[in-house]
C-alpha atoms as a PDB file:
ATOM      1  CA  UNK A   1       4.076 -29.116   9.523  1.00  0.00           C
ATOM      2  CA  UNK A   2       6.949 -27.128   8.348  1.00  0.00           C
ATOM      3  CA  UNK A   3      10.215 -28.283   9.730  1.00  0.00           C
ATOM      4  CA  UNK A   4      11.658 -25.585  12.275  1.00  0.00           C
ATOM      5  CA  UNK A   5      15.159 -25.396  10.458  1.00  0.00           C
ATOM      6  CA  UNK A   6      13.116 -24.822   7.106  1.00  0.00           C
ATOM      7  CA  UNK A   7      11.731 -21.655   8.533  1.00  0.00           C
ATOM      8  CA  UNK A   8      15.006 -20.377   9.385  1.00  0.00           C
ATOM      9  CA  UNK A   9      16.472 -20.875   6.082  1.00  0.00           C
ATOM     10  CA  UNK A  10      13.218 -19.191   4.316  1.00  0.00           C
ATOM     11  CA  UNK A  11      13.724 -16.263   6.473  1.00  0.00           C
ATOM     12  CA  UNK A  12      17.731 -15.872   5.355  1.00  0.00           C
ATOM     13  CA  UNK A  13      16.789 -16.422   1.582  1.00  0.00           C
ATOM     14  CA  UNK A  14      13.958 -13.505   1.737  1.00  0.00           C
ATOM     15  CA  UNK A  15      16.424 -11.462   3.612  1.00  0.00           C
ATOM     16  CA  UNK A  16      18.880 -12.077   1.174  1.00  0.00           C
ATOM     17  CA  UNK A  17      16.586 -11.308  -1.676  1.00  0.00           C
ATOM     18  CA  UNK A  18      15.423  -7.956  -0.285  1.00  0.00           C
ATOM     19  CA  UNK A  19      19.188  -6.961   0.266  1.00  0.00           C
ATOM     20  CA  UNK A  20      20.072  -7.767  -3.299  1.00  0.00           C
ATOM     21  CA  UNK A  21      16.968  -5.777  -4.701  1.00  0.00           C
ATOM     22  CA  UNK A  22      18.067  -2.864  -2.913  1.00  0.00           C
ATOM     23  CA  UNK A  23      21.586  -2.324  -4.548  1.00  0.00           C
ATOM     24  CA  UNK A  24      20.219  -1.183  -7.844  1.00  0.00           C
ATOM     25  CA  UNK A  25      20.535   2.731  -8.356  1.00  0.00           C
ATOM     26  CA  UNK A  26      17.843   4.668  -9.915  1.00  0.00           C
ATOM     27  CA  UNK A  27      20.005   5.052 -13.293  1.00  0.00           C
ATOM     28  CA  UNK A  28      19.643   1.440 -13.519  1.00  0.00           C
ATOM     29  CA  UNK A  29      15.792   1.311 -13.054  1.00  0.00           C
ATOM     30  CA  UNK A  30      15.262   4.265 -15.392  1.00  0.00           C
ATOM     31  CA  UNK A  31      13.733   3.424 -18.581  1.00  0.00           C
ATOM     32  CA  UNK A  32      13.169  -0.498 -17.716  1.00  0.00           C
ATOM     33  CA  UNK A  33       9.750  -0.413 -18.732  1.00  0.00           C
ATOM     34  CA  UNK A  34      10.725  -0.036 -22.117  1.00  0.00           C
ATOM     35  CA  UNK A  35      13.591  -2.623 -22.052  1.00  0.00           C
ATOM     36  CA  UNK A  36      13.155  -6.200 -23.693  1.00  0.00           C
ATOM     37  CA  UNK A  37      12.794  -9.019 -21.283  1.00  0.00           C
ATOM     38  CA  UNK A  38      13.203 -12.415 -22.303  1.00  0.00           C
ATOM     39  CA  UNK A  39      11.625 -15.125 -19.918  1.00  0.00           C
ATOM     40  CA  UNK A  40      13.162 -18.591 -21.077  1.00  0.00           C
ATOM     41  CA  UNK A  41      10.298 -21.337 -21.242  1.00  0.00           C
ATOM     42  CA  UNK A  42      10.049 -25.170 -22.068  1.00  0.00           C
ATOM     43  CA  UNK A  43       9.201 -23.934 -25.775  1.00  0.00           C
ATOM     44  CA  UNK A  44       9.994 -20.559 -27.361  1.00  0.00           C
ATOM     45  CA  UNK A  45      11.226 -17.904 -24.917  1.00  0.00           C
ATOM     46  CA  UNK A  46       8.618 -15.228 -24.037  1.00  0.00           C
ATOM     47  CA  UNK A  47       9.785 -11.594 -25.150  1.00  0.00           C
ATOM     48  CA  UNK A  48       8.103  -8.520 -23.682  1.00  0.00           C
ATOM     49  CA  UNK A  49       8.569  -5.070 -22.332  1.00  0.00           C
ATOM     50  CA  UNK A  50       9.749  -4.493 -18.753  1.00  0.00           C
ATOM     51  CA  UNK A  51       6.166  -2.877 -18.109  1.00  0.00           C
ATOM     52  CA  UNK A  52       4.335  -5.879 -19.555  1.00  0.00           C
ATOM     53  CA  UNK A  53       6.863  -8.280 -17.705  1.00  0.00           C
ATOM     54  CA  UNK A  54       6.179  -6.703 -14.481  1.00  0.00           C
ATOM     55  CA  UNK A  55       2.287  -6.204 -14.804  1.00  0.00           C
ATOM     56  CA  UNK A  56       1.517  -9.438 -16.842  1.00  0.00           C
ATOM     57  CA  UNK A  57       4.184 -11.786 -15.281  1.00  0.00           C
ATOM     58  CA  UNK A  58       5.730 -10.605 -11.878  1.00  0.00           C
ATOM     59  CA  UNK A  59       2.809  -9.292 -10.183  1.00  0.00           C
ATOM     60  CA  UNK A  60       0.332 -12.276 -10.841  1.00  0.00           C
ATOM     61  CA  UNK A  61       2.993 -14.754 -10.010  1.00  0.00           C
ATOM     62  CA  UNK A  62       3.456 -12.741  -6.811  1.00  0.00           C
ATOM     63  CA  UNK A  63      -0.064 -12.581  -5.668  1.00  0.00           C
ATOM     64  CA  UNK A  64      -0.655 -16.346  -6.545  1.00  0.00           C
ATOM     65  CA  UNK A  65       2.362 -17.526  -4.430  1.00  0.00           C
ATOM     66  CA  UNK A  66       1.454 -14.992  -1.525  1.00  0.00           C
ATOM     67  CA  UNK A  67      -2.009 -16.341  -1.439  1.00  0.00           C
ATOM     68  CA  UNK A  68      -0.899 -20.081  -1.645  1.00  0.00           C
ATOM     69  CA  UNK A  69       1.402 -19.468   1.265  1.00  0.00           C
ATOM     70  CA  UNK A  70      -1.346 -17.839   3.077  1.00  0.00           C
ATOM     71  CA  UNK A  71      -3.783 -20.811   2.480  1.00  0.00           C
ATOM     72  CA  UNK A  72      -1.140 -23.308   3.524  1.00  0.00           C
ATOM     73  CA  UNK A  73      -0.390 -21.406   6.613  1.00  0.00           C
ATOM     74  CA  UNK A  74      -4.083 -21.005   7.714  1.00  0.00           C
ATOM     75  CA  UNK A  75      -4.586 -24.795   6.914  1.00  0.00           C
ATOM     76  CA  UNK A  76      -1.562 -25.756   8.992  1.00  0.00           C
ATOM     77  CA  UNK A  77      -3.244 -23.716  11.988  1.00  0.00           C
ATOM     78  CA  UNK A  78      -1.387 -20.377  11.932  1.00  0.00           C
ATOM     79  CA  UNK A  79      -3.758 -17.706  13.206  1.00  0.00           C
ATOM     80  CA  UNK A  80      -3.134 -15.296  10.421  1.00  0.00           C
ATOM     81  CA  UNK A  81      -5.700 -13.016   8.967  1.00  0.00           C
ATOM     82  CA  UNK A  82      -6.157  -9.738   6.610  1.00  0.00           C
ATOM     83  CA  UNK A  83      -4.363  -7.523   8.909  1.00  0.00           C
ATOM     84  CA  UNK A  84      -1.144  -9.915   8.815  1.00  0.00           C
ATOM     85  CA  UNK A  85      -1.265  -9.613   4.781  1.00  0.00           C
ATOM     86  CA  UNK A  86      -1.805  -5.975   4.969  1.00  0.00           C
ATOM     87  CA  UNK A  87       0.398  -4.858   7.446  1.00  0.00           C
ATOM     88  CA  UNK A  88      -0.689  -2.544  10.211  1.00  0.00           C
ATOM     89  CA  UNK A  89      -0.132   1.380  10.307  1.00  0.00           C
END
């Protein structure tokens, strides 16, 4: 079971991350798909374009962590389903 205080901390962290992400202007993002991105690793750093970074690294990691969080919540008795994941119109 997740400690109640940890849940509040997680919500605050997510809120902060979304606020930081929303501060970029269109000019800062334009052309970022072609910029070189360097991801530090234990060995050699991985270098790729912004688009390759998004589609080959960020999105797979995001979906992995979302699915693991979903599985952990379900395992611990939280009644959530597909609608909670997809949202409601």
